Amino acid sequence: MKLAEALMLRADYQRRIGHLKQRLLRNAKVQEGDEPGEIPAVLLEEIERVCRDLAQLIQRINATNSRTELVNRTTLSDAIATRDVLRIKTDIYAELAKAATVTQDRYSKSEVKFRSTVNIADMQNRADALAKEQREIDARIQEANWRTDLQE
């Protein structure tokens, strides 16, 4: 199984657990004299099984990520961490540029006038550069996911 397939399976397991949880909670109580639509104990057993499978899969994914090197001798784990931090920084710079944009909605001269405390163009350019770097790293990660076999 390729790493990319394992990542899709992980997402499926996570969705399955969420659906089982919803079903479990819907059947957690019934009106006195009624029977639940599904037996909570059976649902709990299924949740436990899927959680065990998910934990084993995540462990294999993590082991694969930490042992797989990209072209630049960076591990896949390190590239993922870098990409995630770039995403955070990109969002901060983009939101700062948006928040600093001043629109004058004044209806009279006595209303408060606002001014930007940062250079909006610089903040947006920084956000754009970080987003580009993030996309490039993500492309290398995706390539590695499809060419790398999941390790035991």
N, C-alpha and C. Protein backbone atom coordinates (compact mmCIF):
# COMPACT_ATOMS: atom_id res chain seq x y z
N MET A 1 0.86 -1.18 0.00
CA MET A 1 0.00 0.00 0.00
C MET A 1 0.90 1.24 0.00
N LYS A 2 0.56 2.19 -0.84
CA LYS A 2 1.30 3.44 -0.89
C LYS A 2 0.89 4.33 0.29
N LEU A 3 1.78 5.22 0.66
CA LEU A 3 1.52 6.13 1.78
C LEU A 3 0.26 6.95 1.53
N ALA A 4 0.07 7.41 0.30
CA ALA A 4 -1.11 8.21 -0.02
C ALA A 4 -2.40 7.41 0.22
N GLU A 5 -2.38 6.14 -0.11
CA GLU A 5 -3.55 5.29 0.14
C GLU A 5 -3.80 5.14 1.64
N ALA A 6 -2.72 5.02 2.40
CA ALA A 6 -2.84 4.91 3.86
C ALA A 6 -3.43 6.19 4.45
N LEU A 7 -3.07 7.33 3.88
CA LEU A 7 -3.62 8.60 4.36
C LEU A 7 -5.12 8.70 4.07
N MET A 8 -5.52 8.19 2.92
CA MET A 8 -6.96 8.17 2.61
C MET A 8 -7.70 7.20 3.53
N LEU A 9 -7.08 6.07 3.81
CA LEU A 9 -7.69 5.09 4.73
C LEU A 9 -7.80 5.69 6.13
N ARG A 10 -6.78 6.44 6.55
CA ARG A 10 -6.83 7.11 7.85
C ARG A 10 -8.02 8.05 7.92
N ALA A 11 -8.24 8.83 6.88
CA ALA A 11 -9.38 9.75 6.84
C ALA A 11 -10.70 8.97 6.88
N ASP A 12 -10.74 7.84 6.18
CA ASP A 12 -11.95 7.02 6.22
C ASP A 12 -12.22 6.49 7.63
N TYR A 13 -11.17 6.01 8.29
CA TYR A 13 -11.32 5.53 9.67
C TYR A 13 -11.83 6.65 10.57
N GLN A 14 -11.28 7.84 10.42
CA GLN A 14 -11.69 8.96 11.26
C GLN A 14 -13.15 9.32 11.01
N ARG A 15 -13.57 9.32 9.74
CA ARG A 15 -14.99 9.57 9.43
C ARG A 15 -15.88 8.47 10.01
N ARG A 16 -15.43 7.23 9.88
CA ARG A 16 -16.21 6.09 10.40
C ARG A 16 -16.39 6.22 11.91
N ILE A 17 -15.35 6.57 12.61
CA ILE A 17 -15.44 6.75 14.06
C ILE A 17 -16.44 7.85 14.40
N GLY A 18 -16.39 8.95 13.66
CA GLY A 18 -17.34 10.04 13.87
C GLY A 18 -18.79 9.60 13.66
N HIS A 19 -19.03 8.82 12.61
CA HIS A 19 -20.39 8.33 12.34
C HIS A 19 -20.84 7.36 13.43
N LEU A 20 -19.93 6.47 13.84
CA LEU A 20 -20.28 5.52 14.91
C LEU A 20 -20.60 6.27 16.21
N LYS A 21 -19.84 7.30 16.49
CA LYS A 21 -20.07 8.11 17.70
C LYS A 21 -21.46 8.73 17.65
N GLN A 22 -21.83 9.30 16.51
CA GLN A 22 -23.16 9.90 16.37
C GLN A 22 -24.25 8.86 16.59
N ARG A 23 -24.07 7.70 15.99
CA ARG A 23 -25.07 6.63 16.17
C ARG A 23 -25.15 6.19 17.62
N LEU A 24 -23.99 6.08 18.26
CA LEU A 24 -23.94 5.69 19.67
C LEU A 24 -24.68 6.70 20.54
N LEU A 25 -24.41 7.98 20.32
CA LEU A 25 -25.05 9.02 21.12
C LEU A 25 -26.56 9.07 20.89
N ARG A 26 -26.99 8.82 19.65
CA ARG A 26 -28.43 8.79 19.36
C ARG A 26 -29.15 7.65 20.09
N ASN A 27 -28.40 6.59 20.40
CA ASN A 27 -28.99 5.42 21.04
C ASN A 27 -28.61 5.30 22.50
N ALA A 28 -28.05 6.34 23.08
CA ALA A 28 -27.58 6.31 24.46
C ALA A 28 -28.74 6.28 25.46
N LYS A 29 -29.90 6.79 25.05
CA LYS A 29 -31.05 6.75 25.95
C LYS A 29 -32.33 6.64 25.10
N VAL A 30 -33.29 5.97 25.67
CA VAL A 30 -34.60 5.81 25.03
C VAL A 30 -35.68 6.02 26.08
N GLN A 31 -36.85 6.24 25.60
CA GLN A 31 -37.97 6.38 26.50
C GLN A 31 -38.21 5.05 27.20
N GLU A 32 -38.57 5.12 28.45
CA GLU A 32 -38.82 3.92 29.23
C GLU A 32 -39.82 3.05 28.50
N GLY A 33 -39.50 1.75 28.39
CA GLY A 33 -40.37 0.81 27.70
C GLY A 33 -39.99 0.60 26.23
N ASP A 34 -39.16 1.49 25.68
CA ASP A 34 -38.71 1.36 24.28
C ASP A 34 -37.34 0.69 24.23
N GLU A 35 -36.99 0.22 23.06
CA GLU A 35 -35.68 -0.36 22.82
C GLU A 35 -34.91 0.59 21.90
N PRO A 36 -33.59 0.65 22.06
CA PRO A 36 -32.81 1.51 21.17
C PRO A 36 -32.83 0.95 19.74
N GLY A 37 -32.65 1.82 18.76
CA GLY A 37 -32.60 1.38 17.36
C GLY A 37 -31.37 0.51 17.11
N GLU A 38 -30.28 0.80 17.81
CA GLU A 38 -29.06 0.01 17.72
C GLU A 38 -28.56 -0.24 19.13
N ILE A 39 -27.89 -1.35 19.31
CA ILE A 39 -27.40 -1.72 20.64
C ILE A 39 -26.08 -0.98 20.90
N PRO A 40 -26.05 -0.12 21.93
CA PRO A 40 -24.84 0.65 22.22
C PRO A 40 -23.59 -0.21 22.41
N ALA A 41 -23.72 -1.36 23.04
CA ALA A 41 -22.55 -2.22 23.27
C ALA A 41 -21.93 -2.68 21.95
N VAL A 42 -22.75 -2.95 20.97
CA VAL A 42 -22.25 -3.38 19.65
C VAL A 42 -21.53 -2.21 18.98
N LEU A 43 -22.12 -1.02 19.07
CA LEU A 43 -21.48 0.16 18.49
C LEU A 43 -20.15 0.45 19.18
N LEU A 44 -20.10 0.31 20.51
CA LEU A 44 -18.85 0.53 21.24
C LEU A 44 -17.77 -0.47 20.82
N GLU A 45 -18.16 -1.72 20.60
CA GLU A 45 -17.20 -2.72 20.13
C GLU A 45 -16.63 -2.32 18.77
N GLU A 46 -17.49 -1.85 17.89
CA GLU A 46 -17.06 -1.41 16.57
C GLU A 46 -16.14 -0.20 16.67
N ILE A 47 -16.47 0.75 17.53
CA ILE A 47 -15.61 1.91 17.75
C ILE A 47 -14.24 1.48 18.25
N GLU A 48 -14.21 0.57 19.21
CA GLU A 48 -12.93 0.08 19.74
C GLU A 48 -12.10 -0.58 18.64
N ARG A 49 -12.73 -1.39 17.79
CA ARG A 49 -12.02 -2.07 16.71
C ARG A 49 -11.44 -1.07 15.71
N VAL A 50 -12.27 -0.12 15.28
CA VAL A 50 -11.82 0.87 14.31
C VAL A 50 -10.72 1.75 14.92
N CYS A 51 -10.85 2.09 16.20
CA CYS A 51 -9.81 2.90 16.87
C CYS A 51 -8.49 2.14 16.93
N ARG A 52 -8.54 0.82 17.20
CA ARG A 52 -7.31 0.01 17.21
C ARG A 52 -6.65 0.03 15.82
N ASP A 53 -7.48 -0.18 14.79
CA ASP A 53 -6.97 -0.18 13.42
C ASP A 53 -6.38 1.19 13.06
N LEU A 54 -7.06 2.25 13.48
CA LEU A 54 -6.59 3.61 13.21
C LEU A 54 -5.25 3.86 13.90
N ALA A 55 -5.13 3.46 15.15
CA ALA A 55 -3.88 3.68 15.89
C ALA A 55 -2.72 2.95 15.20
N GLN A 56 -2.94 1.72 14.77
CA GLN A 56 -1.89 0.96 14.08
C GLN A 56 -1.52 1.63 12.76
N LEU A 57 -2.52 2.10 12.03
CA LEU A 57 -2.26 2.77 10.76
C LEU A 57 -1.48 4.06 10.97
N ILE A 58 -1.87 4.85 11.96
CA ILE A 58 -1.16 6.10 12.25
C ILE A 58 0.29 5.82 12.63
N GLN A 59 0.52 4.79 13.40
CA GLN A 59 1.88 4.43 13.79
C GLN A 59 2.71 4.09 12.56
N ARG A 60 2.12 3.35 11.62
CA ARG A 60 2.83 2.99 10.39
C ARG A 60 3.09 4.23 9.53
N ILE A 61 2.10 5.12 9.45
CA ILE A 61 2.27 6.37 8.69
C ILE A 61 3.39 7.20 9.30
N ASN A 62 3.38 7.33 10.62
CA ASN A 62 4.42 8.12 11.30
C ASN A 62 5.80 7.51 11.09
N ALA A 63 5.89 6.20 11.18
CA ALA A 63 7.18 5.52 10.96
C ALA A 63 7.67 5.76 9.53
N THR A 64 6.75 5.66 8.59
CA THR A 64 7.11 5.90 7.19
C THR A 64 7.55 7.34 6.98
N ASN A 65 6.80 8.28 7.54
CA ASN A 65 7.14 9.70 7.39
C ASN A 65 8.51 10.03 7.97
N SER A 66 8.85 9.40 9.09
CA SER A 66 10.13 9.74 9.74
C SER A 66 11.31 9.06 9.05
N ARG A 67 11.06 8.02 8.26
CA ARG A 67 12.16 7.31 7.57
C ARG A 67 12.30 7.71 6.10
N THR A 68 11.31 8.39 5.56
CA THR A 68 11.33 8.73 4.14
C THR A 68 11.99 10.08 3.93
N GLU A 69 13.02 10.09 3.08
CA GLU A 69 13.72 11.34 2.77
C GLU A 69 13.25 11.87 1.43
N LEU A 70 13.10 13.19 1.37
CA LEU A 70 12.78 13.86 0.12
C LEU A 70 14.08 14.15 -0.63
N VAL A 71 13.96 14.74 -1.79
CA VAL A 71 15.13 15.03 -2.62
C VAL A 71 16.17 15.86 -1.89
N ASN A 72 15.72 16.80 -1.06
CA ASN A 72 16.67 17.70 -0.37
C ASN A 72 17.18 17.13 0.96
N ARG A 73 17.04 15.82 1.15
CA ARG A 73 17.52 15.10 2.34
C ARG A 73 16.74 15.46 3.60
N THR A 74 15.58 16.07 3.44
CA THR A 74 14.68 16.36 4.55
C THR A 74 13.73 15.17 4.69
N THR A 75 13.41 14.80 5.92
CA THR A 75 12.44 13.72 6.07
C THR A 75 11.04 14.24 5.76
N LEU A 76 10.17 13.33 5.44
CA LEU A 76 8.79 13.69 5.16
C LEU A 76 8.15 14.31 6.40
N SER A 77 8.48 13.82 7.58
CA SER A 77 7.96 14.40 8.83
C SER A 77 8.37 15.86 8.97
N ASP A 78 9.63 16.14 8.68
CA ASP A 78 10.12 17.52 8.78
C ASP A 78 9.43 18.42 7.75
N ALA A 79 9.24 17.90 6.54
CA ALA A 79 8.56 18.68 5.50
C ALA A 79 7.13 18.99 5.89
N ILE A 80 6.44 18.04 6.50
CA ILE A 80 5.06 18.26 6.95
C ILE A 80 5.04 19.34 8.02
N ALA A 81 5.97 19.27 8.96
CA ALA A 81 6.03 20.29 10.02
C ALA A 81 6.29 21.67 9.42
N THR A 82 7.20 21.74 8.48
CA THR A 82 7.51 23.02 7.82
C THR A 82 6.28 23.55 7.09
N ARG A 83 5.61 22.68 6.35
CA ARG A 83 4.41 23.10 5.60
C ARG A 83 3.32 23.60 6.55
N ASP A 84 3.12 22.91 7.65
CA ASP A 84 2.08 23.32 8.60
C ASP A 84 2.38 24.68 9.22
N VAL A 85 3.66 24.93 9.54
CA VAL A 85 4.04 26.23 10.10
C VAL A 85 3.91 27.32 9.04
N LEU A 86 4.27 27.01 7.81
CA LEU A 86 4.09 27.98 6.72
C LEU A 86 2.62 28.35 6.55
N ARG A 87 1.74 27.37 6.70
CA ARG A 87 0.29 27.63 6.60
C ARG A 87 -0.15 28.60 7.69
N ILE A 88 0.35 28.41 8.90
CA ILE A 88 0.01 29.29 10.01
C ILE A 88 0.50 30.71 9.73
N LYS A 89 1.77 30.82 9.30
CA LYS A 89 2.35 32.13 9.03
C LYS A 89 1.63 32.82 7.86
N THR A 90 1.30 32.06 6.82
CA THR A 90 0.57 32.63 5.68
C THR A 90 -0.75 33.22 6.13
N ASP A 91 -1.48 32.49 6.94
CA ASP A 91 -2.77 32.97 7.45
C ASP A 91 -2.60 34.25 8.27
N ILE A 92 -1.56 34.29 9.09
CA ILE A 92 -1.33 35.47 9.94
C ILE A 92 -1.07 36.71 9.07
N TYR A 93 -0.15 36.58 8.12
CA TYR A 93 0.17 37.73 7.27
C TYR A 93 -1.02 38.16 6.42
N ALA A 94 -1.77 37.20 5.87
CA ALA A 94 -2.94 37.55 5.05
C ALA A 94 -4.02 38.22 5.89
N GLU A 95 -4.26 37.70 7.09
CA GLU A 95 -5.27 38.30 7.96
C GLU A 95 -4.82 39.67 8.46
N LEU A 96 -3.52 39.84 8.70
CA LEU A 96 -3.00 41.14 9.11
C LEU A 96 -3.21 42.17 7.99
N ALA A 97 -2.91 41.79 6.77
CA ALA A 97 -3.12 42.70 5.64
C ALA A 97 -4.59 43.07 5.52
N LYS A 98 -5.46 42.12 5.71
CA LYS A 98 -6.90 42.38 5.62
C LYS A 98 -7.36 43.29 6.76
N ALA A 99 -6.89 42.99 7.98
CA ALA A 99 -7.30 43.79 9.14
C ALA A 99 -6.78 45.21 9.06
N ALA A 100 -5.60 45.39 8.46
CA ALA A 100 -4.99 46.72 8.40
C ALA A 100 -5.58 47.59 7.29
N THR A 101 -6.32 46.98 6.38
CA THR A 101 -6.91 47.75 5.29
C THR A 101 -7.95 48.70 5.87
N VAL A 102 -7.75 49.97 5.59
CA VAL A 102 -8.62 51.00 6.15
C VAL A 102 -9.66 51.39 5.11
N THR A 103 -10.89 51.30 5.52
CA THR A 103 -11.98 51.82 4.70
C THR A 103 -12.61 52.95 5.48
N GLN A 104 -12.74 54.06 4.84
CA GLN A 104 -13.28 55.23 5.52
C GLN A 104 -14.80 55.27 5.31
N ASP A 105 -15.51 54.88 6.33
CA ASP A 105 -16.96 54.91 6.32
C ASP A 105 -17.46 56.05 7.21
N ARG A 106 -16.78 57.15 7.14
CA ARG A 106 -17.15 58.28 7.99
C ARG A 106 -18.28 59.05 7.33
N TYR A 107 -19.20 59.45 8.14
CA TYR A 107 -20.35 60.21 7.64
C TYR A 107 -20.25 61.69 8.02
N SER A 108 -19.36 61.97 8.94
CA SER A 108 -19.14 63.38 9.31
C SER A 108 -17.69 63.54 9.74
N LYS A 109 -17.21 64.74 9.79
CA LYS A 109 -15.81 65.00 10.14
C LYS A 109 -15.52 64.73 11.61
N SER A 110 -16.55 64.61 12.42
CA SER A 110 -16.33 64.38 13.85
C SER A 110 -16.11 62.90 14.17
N GLU A 111 -16.34 62.02 13.22
CA GLU A 111 -16.12 60.59 13.47
C GLU A 111 -14.63 60.27 13.43
N VAL A 112 -14.26 59.19 14.11
CA VAL A 112 -12.86 58.78 14.22
C VAL A 112 -12.34 58.31 12.87
N LYS A 113 -11.13 58.73 12.57
CA LYS A 113 -10.46 58.32 11.34
C LYS A 113 -9.41 57.28 11.71
N PHE A 114 -9.32 56.21 10.93
CA PHE A 114 -8.37 55.14 11.19
C PHE A 114 -7.24 55.19 10.18
N ARG A 115 -6.08 54.67 10.62
CA ARG A 115 -4.94 54.55 9.72
C ARG A 115 -4.27 53.19 9.99
N SER A 116 -3.63 52.69 8.98
CA SER A 116 -2.95 51.40 9.09
C SER A 116 -1.64 51.58 9.83
N THR A 117 -1.28 50.58 10.66
CA THR A 117 -0.02 50.64 11.40
C THR A 117 1.06 49.77 10.75
N VAL A 118 0.70 49.07 9.67
CA VAL A 118 1.66 48.23 8.95
C VAL A 118 1.55 48.53 7.46
N ASN A 119 2.58 48.15 6.73
CA ASN A 119 2.55 48.31 5.28
C ASN A 119 1.76 47.14 4.69
N ILE A 120 0.57 47.42 4.23
CA ILE A 120 -0.35 46.38 3.77
C ILE A 120 0.24 45.61 2.59
N ALA A 121 0.83 46.31 1.64
CA ALA A 121 1.41 45.66 0.46
C ALA A 121 2.52 44.69 0.87
N ASP A 122 3.37 45.11 1.82
CA ASP A 122 4.44 44.23 2.30
C ASP A 122 3.86 42.98 2.97
N MET A 123 2.83 43.16 3.77
CA MET A 123 2.21 42.03 4.47
C MET A 123 1.59 41.06 3.46
N GLN A 124 0.92 41.60 2.45
CA GLN A 124 0.29 40.74 1.45
C GLN A 124 1.34 40.04 0.60
N ASN A 125 2.42 40.75 0.25
CA ASN A 125 3.50 40.12 -0.50
C ASN A 125 4.15 39.00 0.29
N ARG A 126 4.32 39.23 1.60
CA ARG A 126 4.89 38.18 2.47
C ARG A 126 3.95 36.98 2.52
N ALA A 127 2.65 37.22 2.66
CA ALA A 127 1.66 36.13 2.67
C ALA A 127 1.71 35.36 1.37
N ASP A 128 1.81 36.06 0.25
CA ASP A 128 1.87 35.40 -1.06
C ASP A 128 3.13 34.55 -1.21
N ALA A 129 4.26 35.08 -0.75
CA ALA A 129 5.52 34.33 -0.84
C ALA A 129 5.47 33.07 0.03
N LEU A 130 4.93 33.21 1.23
CA LEU A 130 4.80 32.06 2.12
C LEU A 130 3.85 31.02 1.54
N ALA A 131 2.76 31.47 0.93
CA ALA A 131 1.79 30.55 0.32
C ALA A 131 2.44 29.78 -0.82
N LYS A 132 3.27 30.46 -1.61
CA LYS A 132 3.96 29.79 -2.71
C LYS A 132 4.91 28.73 -2.17
N GLU A 133 5.67 29.08 -1.15
CA GLU A 133 6.59 28.12 -0.54
C GLU A 133 5.83 26.92 0.03
N GLN A 134 4.70 27.20 0.65
CA GLN A 134 3.86 26.14 1.20
C GLN A 134 3.37 25.21 0.10
N ARG A 135 2.92 25.77 -1.03
CA ARG A 135 2.44 24.95 -2.15
C ARG A 135 3.56 24.08 -2.72
N GLU A 136 4.76 24.63 -2.81
CA GLU A 136 5.89 23.87 -3.34
C GLU A 136 6.25 22.69 -2.44
N ILE A 137 6.27 22.93 -1.14
CA ILE A 137 6.56 21.85 -0.19
C ILE A 137 5.43 20.82 -0.23
N ASP A 138 4.20 21.29 -0.30
CA ASP A 138 3.07 20.37 -0.34
C ASP A 138 3.13 19.48 -1.59
N ALA A 139 3.55 20.03 -2.71
CA ALA A 139 3.68 19.24 -3.94
C ALA A 139 4.73 18.15 -3.75
N ARG A 140 5.86 18.47 -3.11
CA ARG A 140 6.90 17.46 -2.85
C ARG A 140 6.37 16.38 -1.89
N ILE A 141 5.59 16.81 -0.91
CA ILE A 141 5.01 15.84 0.04
C ILE A 141 4.05 14.91 -0.69
N GLN A 142 3.17 15.47 -1.52
CA GLN A 142 2.20 14.66 -2.24
C GLN A 142 2.90 13.67 -3.18
N GLU A 143 3.95 14.13 -3.85
CA GLU A 143 4.71 13.25 -4.73
C GLU A 143 5.27 12.08 -3.92
N ALA A 144 5.87 12.39 -2.78
CA ALA A 144 6.44 11.34 -1.93
C ALA A 144 5.36 10.39 -1.43
N ASN A 145 4.19 10.92 -1.12
CA ASN A 145 3.10 10.06 -0.63
C ASN A 145 2.71 9.00 -1.66
N TRP A 146 2.76 9.36 -2.94
CA TRP A 146 2.34 8.43 -3.99
C TRP A 146 3.45 7.49 -4.45
N ARG A 147 4.70 7.81 -4.15
CA ARG A 147 5.78 6.92 -4.57
C ARG A 147 6.34 6.08 -3.42
N THR A 148 5.92 6.38 -2.19
CA THR A 148 6.46 5.70 -1.01
C THR A 148 5.53 4.60 -0.53
N ASP A 149 6.11 3.42 -0.32
CA ASP A 149 5.34 2.31 0.24
C ASP A 149 5.22 2.49 1.76
N LEU A 150 4.06 2.17 2.28
CA LEU A 150 3.83 2.24 3.73
C LEU A 150 4.70 1.19 4.41
N GLN A 151 5.41 1.60 5.43
CA GLN A 151 6.30 0.67 6.13
C GLN A 151 5.56 -0.01 7.27
N GLU A 152 6.09 -1.14 7.65
CA GLU A 152 5.49 -1.91 8.76
C GLU A 152 5.86 -1.34 10.09
